[in-house]
């Protein structure tokens, strides 16, 4: 709740545009196509995220690291939670009329700034820019924390720290490129946390878990 209030305050104080002006001008964003921000931290990070998703699939049968502490049923649930989080963010993004910073007229585009919470109000641009899709590819791994914290607490904390660092790094790169506002990254992280936690509760602490297999016994070894 407190985090949501802080993010709302960021929006209300108009910090998105102020920060965007650090990197953009009337001629656009100088680092939009830079090899580090566009090549490595944008395209490269997306490929890495999907590679790690493939690793989660493989880990269902051949787990490594802290995932060995989870029974197979929970490793499947962890993968499902990650994919659901990505899908949920993607669906929200594809319903958004919010355009990216580089489309604003003050940065050489044709759109006018409209807060992303003004659902149904077009800004004159292409939209489809909120929440942050690439950041969600990292933040979706919040699911690992929820499933690991009871069986491998230390591994869960490391997993959480790496997830936050990766999502924030990708978000900052997109900010520098003019592809997203900072609030897009912050809200995407918050949404991903809520979605991942909700999926965890749904699959592990409600009758729905029966659809995905019986609860593992305490003596189970994957």
C-alpha atoms as a PDB file:
ATOM      1  CA  UNK A   1       0.000   0.000   0.000  1.00  0.00           C
ATOM      2  CA  UNK A   2       2.742   2.449   0.996  1.00  0.00           C
ATOM      3  CA  UNK A   3       4.638   1.741  -2.214  1.00  0.00           C
ATOM      4  CA  UNK A   4       1.519   2.425  -4.266  1.00  0.00           C
ATOM      5  CA  UNK A   5       1.044   5.768  -2.508  1.00  0.00           C
ATOM      6  CA  UNK A   6       4.651   6.763  -3.249  1.00  0.00           C
ATOM      7  CA  UNK A   7       4.184   5.893  -6.918  1.00  0.00           C
ATOM      8  CA  UNK A   8       0.915   7.838  -7.038  1.00  0.00           C
ATOM      9  CA  UNK A   9       2.702  10.848  -5.537  1.00  0.00           C
ATOM     10  CA  UNK A  10       5.385  10.561  -8.227  1.00  0.00           C
ATOM     11  CA  UNK A  11       2.666  10.729 -10.882  1.00  0.00           C
ATOM     12  CA  UNK A  12       0.789  13.616  -9.264  1.00  0.00           C
ATOM     13  CA  UNK A  13       3.957  15.697  -8.917  1.00  0.00           C
ATOM     14  CA  UNK A  14       4.687  15.304 -12.639  1.00  0.00           C
ATOM     15  CA  UNK A  15       8.132  13.804 -12.203  1.00  0.00           C
ATOM     16  CA  UNK A  16       7.928  11.754 -15.392  1.00  0.00           C
ATOM     17  CA  UNK A  17       8.333  14.706 -17.736  1.00  0.00           C
ATOM     18  CA  UNK A  18      10.951  16.333 -15.542  1.00  0.00           C
ATOM     19  CA  UNK A  19      13.117  13.215 -15.692  1.00  0.00           C
ATOM     20  CA  UNK A  20      12.480  12.685 -19.401  1.00  0.00           C
ATOM     21  CA  UNK A  21      13.957  16.133 -20.080  1.00  0.00           C
ATOM     22  CA  UNK A  22      17.250  14.945 -18.583  1.00  0.00           C
ATOM     23  CA  UNK A  23      17.795  12.748 -21.627  1.00  0.00           C
ATOM     24  CA  UNK A  24      15.565  14.228 -24.335  1.00  0.00           C
ATOM     25  CA  UNK A  25      15.375  17.496 -26.228  1.00  0.00           C
ATOM     26  CA  UNK A  26      13.456  18.967 -29.149  1.00  0.00           C
ATOM     27  CA  UNK A  27      15.565  16.818 -31.460  1.00  0.00           C
ATOM     28  CA  UNK A  28      14.717  13.597 -29.647  1.00  0.00           C
ATOM     29  CA  UNK A  29      16.666  11.243 -27.405  1.00  0.00           C
ATOM     30  CA  UNK A  30      20.355  11.072 -28.202  1.00  0.00           C
ATOM     31  CA  UNK A  31      20.793   7.560 -26.810  1.00  0.00           C
ATOM     32  CA  UNK A  32      17.722   6.025 -28.433  1.00  0.00           C
ATOM     33  CA  UNK A  33      19.797   3.746 -30.694  1.00  0.00           C
ATOM     34  CA  UNK A  34      22.967   3.566 -28.610  1.00  0.00           C
ATOM     35  CA  UNK A  35      24.517   0.096 -28.584  1.00  0.00           C
ATOM     36  CA  UNK A  36      24.492  -0.135 -24.788  1.00  0.00           C
ATOM     37  CA  UNK A  37      20.928   0.985 -24.138  1.00  0.00           C
ATOM     38  CA  UNK A  38      19.273  -0.292 -27.318  1.00  0.00           C
ATOM     39  CA  UNK A  39      21.432  -3.263 -28.206  1.00  0.00           C
ATOM     40  CA  UNK A  40      22.577  -4.756 -24.925  1.00  0.00           C
ATOM     41  CA  UNK A  41      20.036  -3.563 -22.333  1.00  0.00           C
ATOM     42  CA  UNK A  42      17.017  -3.643 -24.645  1.00  0.00           C
ATOM     43  CA  UNK A  43      17.304  -6.388 -27.250  1.00  0.00           C
ATOM     44  CA  UNK A  44      19.889  -8.388 -25.339  1.00  0.00           C
ATOM     45  CA  UNK A  45      17.927  -8.284 -22.094  1.00  0.00           C
ATOM     46  CA  UNK A  46      14.780  -9.487 -23.844  1.00  0.00           C
ATOM     47  CA  UNK A  47      16.609 -12.483 -25.306  1.00  0.00           C
ATOM     48  CA  UNK A  48      18.128 -13.267 -21.924  1.00  0.00           C
ATOM     49  CA  UNK A  49      14.718 -13.127 -20.233  1.00  0.00           C
ATOM     50  CA  UNK A  50      13.253 -15.673 -22.637  1.00  0.00           C
ATOM     51  CA  UNK A  51      16.340 -17.842 -22.277  1.00  0.00           C
ATOM     52  CA  UNK A  52      15.766 -17.868 -18.524  1.00  0.00           C
ATOM     53  CA  UNK A  53      12.128 -18.806 -19.111  1.00  0.00           C
ATOM     54  CA  UNK A  54      13.394 -21.780 -21.095  1.00  0.00           C
ATOM     55  CA  UNK A  55      15.660 -22.621 -18.164  1.00  0.00           C
ATOM     56  CA  UNK A  56      12.585 -22.701 -15.900  1.00  0.00           C
ATOM     57  CA  UNK A  57      10.968 -25.162 -18.299  1.00  0.00           C
ATOM     58  CA  UNK A  58      14.073 -27.358 -18.244  1.00  0.00           C
ATOM     59  CA  UNK A  59      14.238 -27.060 -14.443  1.00  0.00           C
ATOM     60  CA  UNK A  60      10.884 -28.838 -14.168  1.00  0.00           C
ATOM     61  CA  UNK A  61      12.817 -32.057 -14.848  1.00  0.00           C
ATOM     62  CA  UNK A  62      16.420 -31.034 -14.121  1.00  0.00           C
ATOM     63  CA  UNK A  63      16.447 -28.326 -11.431  1.00  0.00           C
ATOM     64  CA  UNK A  64      19.572 -26.477 -10.362  1.00  0.00           C
ATOM     65  CA  UNK A  65      20.499 -24.176  -7.486  1.00  0.00           C
ATOM     66  CA  UNK A  66      17.699 -23.286  -5.059  1.00  0.00           C
ATOM     67  CA  UNK A  67      15.110 -24.752  -7.433  1.00  0.00           C
ATOM     68  CA  UNK A  68      16.229 -28.182  -6.253  1.00  0.00           C
ATOM     69  CA  UNK A  69      14.511 -27.404  -2.959  1.00  0.00           C
ATOM     70  CA  UNK A  70      11.131 -27.251  -4.698  1.00  0.00           C
ATOM     71  CA  UNK A  71       9.072 -30.319  -5.573  1.00  0.00           C
ATOM     72  CA  UNK A  72       8.253 -30.629  -9.257  1.00  0.00           C
ATOM     73  CA  UNK A  73       4.676 -29.455  -8.716  1.00  0.00           C
ATOM     74  CA  UNK A  74       5.938 -26.152  -7.315  1.00  0.00           C
ATOM     75  CA  UNK A  75       8.513 -25.733 -10.072  1.00  0.00           C
ATOM     76  CA  UNK A  76       5.649 -25.991 -12.555  1.00  0.00           C
ATOM     77  CA  UNK A  77       3.652 -23.447 -10.558  1.00  0.00           C
ATOM     78  CA  UNK A  78       6.619 -21.070 -10.499  1.00  0.00           C
ATOM     79  CA  UNK A  79       6.843 -21.225 -14.289  1.00  0.00           C
ATOM     80  CA  UNK A  80       3.084 -20.711 -14.625  1.00  0.00           C
ATOM     81  CA  UNK A  81       3.232 -17.701 -12.307  1.00  0.00           C
ATOM     82  CA  UNK A  82       6.021 -16.107 -14.327  1.00  0.00           C
ATOM     83  CA  UNK A  83       4.184 -16.565 -17.615  1.00  0.00           C
ATOM     84  CA  UNK A  84       0.902 -15.285 -16.157  1.00  0.00           C
ATOM     85  CA  UNK A  85       2.661 -12.157 -14.902  1.00  0.00           C
ATOM     86  CA  UNK A  86       4.167 -11.457 -18.323  1.00  0.00           C
ATOM     87  CA  UNK A  87       0.833 -12.093 -20.035  1.00  0.00           C
ATOM     88  CA  UNK A  88      -1.079  -9.818 -17.649  1.00  0.00           C
ATOM     89  CA  UNK A  89       1.323  -6.921 -18.227  1.00  0.00           C
ATOM     90  CA  UNK A  90       1.209  -7.534 -21.984  1.00  0.00           C
ATOM     91  CA  UNK A  91      -2.594  -7.412 -22.002  1.00  0.00           C
ATOM     92  CA  UNK A  92      -2.631  -4.153 -20.047  1.00  0.00           C
ATOM     93  CA  UNK A  93      -0.021  -2.654 -22.344  1.00  0.00           C
ATOM     94  CA  UNK A  94      -1.956  -3.574 -25.447  1.00  0.00           C
ATOM     95  CA  UNK A  95      -5.034  -1.744 -24.130  1.00  0.00           C
ATOM     96  CA  UNK A  96      -3.137   1.423 -23.267  1.00  0.00           C
ATOM     97  CA  UNK A  97      -3.451   4.679 -25.190  1.00  0.00           C
ATOM     98  CA  UNK A  98      -0.330   6.104 -23.537  1.00  0.00           C
ATOM     99  CA  UNK A  99       2.482   6.877 -25.969  1.00  0.00           C
ATOM    100  CA  UNK A 100       6.200   6.673 -25.299  1.00  0.00           C
ATOM    101  CA  UNK A 101       8.183   9.811 -24.387  1.00  0.00           C
ATOM    102  CA  UNK A 102       9.924   9.931 -27.761  1.00  0.00           C
ATOM    103  CA  UNK A 103       6.513  10.480 -29.387  1.00  0.00           C
ATOM    104  CA  UNK A 104       5.829  13.718 -27.511  1.00  0.00           C
ATOM    105  CA  UNK A 105       5.912  16.957 -29.498  1.00  0.00           C
ATOM    106  CA  UNK A 106       8.446  18.464 -27.111  1.00  0.00           C
ATOM    107  CA  UNK A 107      10.820  15.650 -28.062  1.00  0.00           C
ATOM    108  CA  UNK A 108      10.267  15.903 -31.817  1.00  0.00           C
ATOM    109  CA  UNK A 109       7.119  13.751 -32.075  1.00  0.00           C
ATOM    110  CA  UNK A 110       3.437  14.604 -32.452  1.00  0.00           C
ATOM    111  CA  UNK A 111       1.791  13.426 -29.223  1.00  0.00           C
ATOM    112  CA  UNK A 112       0.755  15.514 -26.231  1.00  0.00           C
ATOM    113  CA  UNK A 113       1.454  14.354 -22.697  1.00  0.00           C
ATOM    114  CA  UNK A 114      -1.514  12.625 -21.060  1.00  0.00           C
ATOM    115  CA  UNK A 115      -1.126  10.824 -17.683  1.00  0.00           C
ATOM    116  CA  UNK A 116      -1.233   7.069 -18.180  1.00  0.00           C
ATOM    117  CA  UNK A 117      -4.087   6.714 -15.689  1.00  0.00           C
ATOM    118  CA  UNK A 118      -6.411   8.684 -17.969  1.00  0.00           C
ATOM    119  CA  UNK A 119      -7.831   5.534 -19.511  1.00  0.00           C
ATOM    120  CA  UNK A 120      -9.679   6.144 -22.760  1.00  0.00           C
ATOM    121  CA  UNK A 121      -7.975   9.495 -23.439  1.00  0.00           C
ATOM    122  CA  UNK A 122      -5.729   9.479 -26.497  1.00  0.00           C
ATOM    123  CA  UNK A 123      -2.619  11.653 -26.657  1.00  0.00           C
ATOM    124  CA  UNK A 124      -2.342  11.711 -30.431  1.00  0.00           C
ATOM    125  CA  UNK A 125       0.421   9.123 -30.596  1.00  0.00           C
ATOM    126  CA  UNK A 126       0.567   5.395 -31.193  1.00  0.00           C
ATOM    127  CA  UNK A 127      -0.044   4.423 -27.563  1.00  0.00           C
ATOM    128  CA  UNK A 128       0.771   0.910 -26.315  1.00  0.00           C
ATOM    129  CA  UNK A 129       3.451   2.151 -23.921  1.00  0.00           C
ATOM    130  CA  UNK A 130       2.144   1.468 -20.401  1.00  0.00           C
ATOM    131  CA  UNK A 131       3.051  -0.650 -18.463  1.00  0.00           C
ATOM    132  CA  UNK A 132       6.664  -1.365 -19.464  1.00  0.00           C
ATOM    133  CA  UNK A 133       6.868  -4.617 -21.389  1.00  0.00           C
ATOM    134  CA  UNK A 134      10.629  -5.140 -21.316  1.00  0.00           C
ATOM    135  CA  UNK A 135      10.916  -4.397 -17.602  1.00  0.00           C
ATOM    136  CA  UNK A 136       8.136  -6.894 -16.948  1.00  0.00           C
ATOM    137  CA  UNK A 137      10.260  -9.599 -18.575  1.00  0.00           C
ATOM    138  CA  UNK A 138      12.562  -9.208 -15.565  1.00  0.00           C
ATOM    139  CA  UNK A 139      10.023  -8.330 -12.880  1.00  0.00           C
ATOM    140  CA  UNK A 140       7.976 -11.418 -13.786  1.00  0.00           C
ATOM    141  CA  UNK A 141      10.635 -13.458 -11.981  1.00  0.00           C
ATOM    142  CA  UNK A 142       9.302 -12.121  -8.672  1.00  0.00           C
ATOM    143  CA  UNK A 143       7.480 -15.449  -8.669  1.00  0.00           C
ATOM    144  CA  UNK A 144      10.713 -17.185  -7.710  1.00  0.00           C
ATOM    145  CA  UNK A 145      10.818 -15.288  -4.427  1.00  0.00           C
ATOM    146  CA  UNK A 146       7.332 -16.365  -3.407  1.00  0.00           C
ATOM    147  CA  UNK A 147       7.919 -20.035  -4.113  1.00  0.00           C
ATOM    148  CA  UNK A 148      11.426 -20.177  -2.655  1.00  0.00           C
ATOM    149  CA  UNK A 149      11.056 -18.140   0.521  1.00  0.00           C
ATOM    150  CA  UNK A 150       9.615 -21.045   2.545  1.00  0.00           C
ATOM    151  CA  UNK A 151      12.067 -23.712   1.349  1.00  0.00           C
ATOM    152  CA  UNK A 152      15.234 -21.737   0.538  1.00  0.00           C
ATOM    153  CA  UNK A 153      15.059 -18.334   2.322  1.00  0.00           C
ATOM    154  CA  UNK A 154      18.572 -17.232   1.400  1.00  0.00           C
ATOM    155  CA  UNK A 155      18.118 -18.248  -2.216  1.00  0.00           C
ATOM    156  CA  UNK A 156      14.790 -16.411  -2.273  1.00  0.00           C
ATOM    157  CA  UNK A 157      16.418 -13.161  -1.123  1.00  0.00           C
ATOM    158  CA  UNK A 158      19.170 -13.446  -3.731  1.00  0.00           C
ATOM    159  CA  UNK A 159      16.543 -14.205  -6.378  1.00  0.00           C
ATOM    160  CA  UNK A 160      14.550 -11.146  -5.295  1.00  0.00           C
ATOM    161  CA  UNK A 161      17.571  -8.851  -5.326  1.00  0.00           C
ATOM    162  CA  UNK A 162      18.644  -9.966  -8.807  1.00  0.00           C
ATOM    163  CA  UNK A 163      15.085  -9.535 -10.103  1.00  0.00           C
ATOM    164  CA  UNK A 164      14.792  -5.992  -8.733  1.00  0.00           C
ATOM    165  CA  UNK A 165      18.236  -5.067 -10.094  1.00  0.00           C
ATOM    166  CA  UNK A 166      17.498  -6.502 -13.545  1.00  0.00           C
ATOM    167  CA  UNK A 167      14.076  -4.868 -13.862  1.00  0.00           C
ATOM    168  CA  UNK A 168      15.367  -1.510 -12.658  1.00  0.00           C
ATOM    169  CA  UNK A 169      18.361  -1.624 -15.002  1.00  0.00           C
ATOM    170  CA  UNK A 170      16.168  -2.373 -18.005  1.00  0.00           C
ATOM    171  CA  UNK A 171      13.756   0.360 -16.943  1.00  0.00           C
ATOM    172  CA  UNK A 172      16.545   2.925 -16.623  1.00  0.00           C
ATOM    173  CA  UNK A 173      17.854   1.978 -20.067  1.00  0.00           C
ATOM    174  CA  UNK A 174      14.394   2.520 -21.531  1.00  0.00           C
ATOM    175  CA  UNK A 175      14.158   5.851 -19.713  1.00  0.00           C
ATOM    176  CA  UNK A 176      17.442   7.015 -21.267  1.00  0.00           C
ATOM    177  CA  UNK A 177      16.251   5.911 -24.720  1.00  0.00           C
ATOM    178  CA  UNK A 178      12.931   7.735 -24.362  1.00  0.00           C
ATOM    179  CA  UNK A 179      11.007   4.477 -24.622  1.00  0.00           C
ATOM    180  CA  UNK A 180       9.337   4.780 -21.203  1.00  0.00           C
ATOM    181  CA  UNK A 181       8.823   7.118 -18.295  1.00  0.00           C
ATOM    182  CA  UNK A 182      10.249   6.163 -14.933  1.00  0.00           C
ATOM    183  CA  UNK A 183       6.751   5.661 -13.529  1.00  0.00           C
ATOM    184  CA  UNK A 184       6.170   3.009 -16.188  1.00  0.00           C
ATOM    185  CA  UNK A 185       9.017   0.972 -14.741  1.00  0.00           C
ATOM    186  CA  UNK A 186       7.993   1.588 -11.132  1.00  0.00           C
ATOM    187  CA  UNK A 187       4.347   0.712 -11.718  1.00  0.00           C
ATOM    188  CA  UNK A 188       5.327  -2.345 -13.754  1.00  0.00           C
ATOM    189  CA  UNK A 189       7.434  -3.578 -10.852  1.00  0.00           C
ATOM    190  CA  UNK A 190       4.574  -2.994  -8.419  1.00  0.00           C
ATOM    191  CA  UNK A 191       2.014  -4.676 -10.670  1.00  0.00           C
ATOM    192  CA  UNK A 192       4.315  -7.639 -11.300  1.00  0.00           C
ATOM    193  CA  UNK A 193       4.808  -8.086  -7.552  1.00  0.00           C
ATOM    194  CA  UNK A 194       1.057  -8.047  -6.919  1.00  0.00           C
ATOM    195  CA  UNK A 195       0.285 -10.388  -9.808  1.00  0.00           C
ATOM    196  CA  UNK A 196       3.065 -12.827  -8.882  1.00  0.00           C
ATOM    197  CA  UNK A 197       1.974 -12.879  -5.248  1.00  0.00           C
ATOM    198  CA  UNK A 198      -1.659 -13.358  -6.225  1.00  0.00           C
ATOM    199  CA  UNK A 199      -0.837 -16.293  -8.502  1.00  0.00           C
ATOM    200  CA  UNK A 200       1.218 -17.844  -5.705  1.00  0.00           C
ATOM    201  CA  UNK A 201      -1.681 -17.572  -3.257  1.00  0.00           C
ATOM    202  CA  UNK A 202      -4.100 -18.898  -5.858  1.00  0.00           C
ATOM    203  CA  UNK A 203      -2.035 -21.955  -6.743  1.00  0.00           C
ATOM    204  CA  UNK A 204      -0.682 -22.828  -3.303  1.00  0.00           C
ATOM    205  CA  UNK A 205      -3.293 -21.691  -0.794  1.00  0.00           C
ATOM    206  CA  UNK A 206      -6.696 -22.165  -2.412  1.00  0.00           C
ATOM    207  CA  UNK A 207      -8.636 -25.202  -3.701  1.00  0.00           C
ATOM    208  CA  UNK A 208      -7.515 -24.250  -7.214  1.00  0.00           C
ATOM    209  CA  UNK A 209      -4.185 -25.975  -6.480  1.00  0.00           C
ATOM    210  CA  UNK A 210      -5.933 -29.315  -6.939  1.00  0.00           C
ATOM    211  CA  UNK A 211      -6.203 -28.596 -10.640  1.00  0.00           C
ATOM    212  CA  UNK A 212      -2.412 -28.504 -10.889  1.00  0.00           C
ATOM    213  CA  UNK A 213      -1.593 -31.564  -8.828  1.00  0.00           C
ATOM    214  CA  UNK A 214      -1.837 -32.735  -5.240  1.00  0.00           C
ATOM    215  CA  UNK A 215       0.205 -30.920  -2.569  1.00  0.00           C
ATOM    216  CA  UNK A 216       3.628 -32.452  -2.136  1.00  0.00           C
ATOM    217  CA  UNK A 217       4.303 -34.414   1.029  1.00  0.00           C
ATOM    218  CA  UNK A 218       6.915 -33.157   3.430  1.00  0.00           C
ATOM    219  CA  UNK A 219       9.137 -36.155   2.669  1.00  0.00           C
ATOM    220  CA  UNK A 220       8.995 -35.604  -1.090  1.00  0.00           C
ATOM    221  CA  UNK A 221      12.288 -35.271  -2.922  1.00  0.00           C
ATOM    222  CA  UNK A 222      12.252 -33.935  -6.480  1.00  0.00           C
END
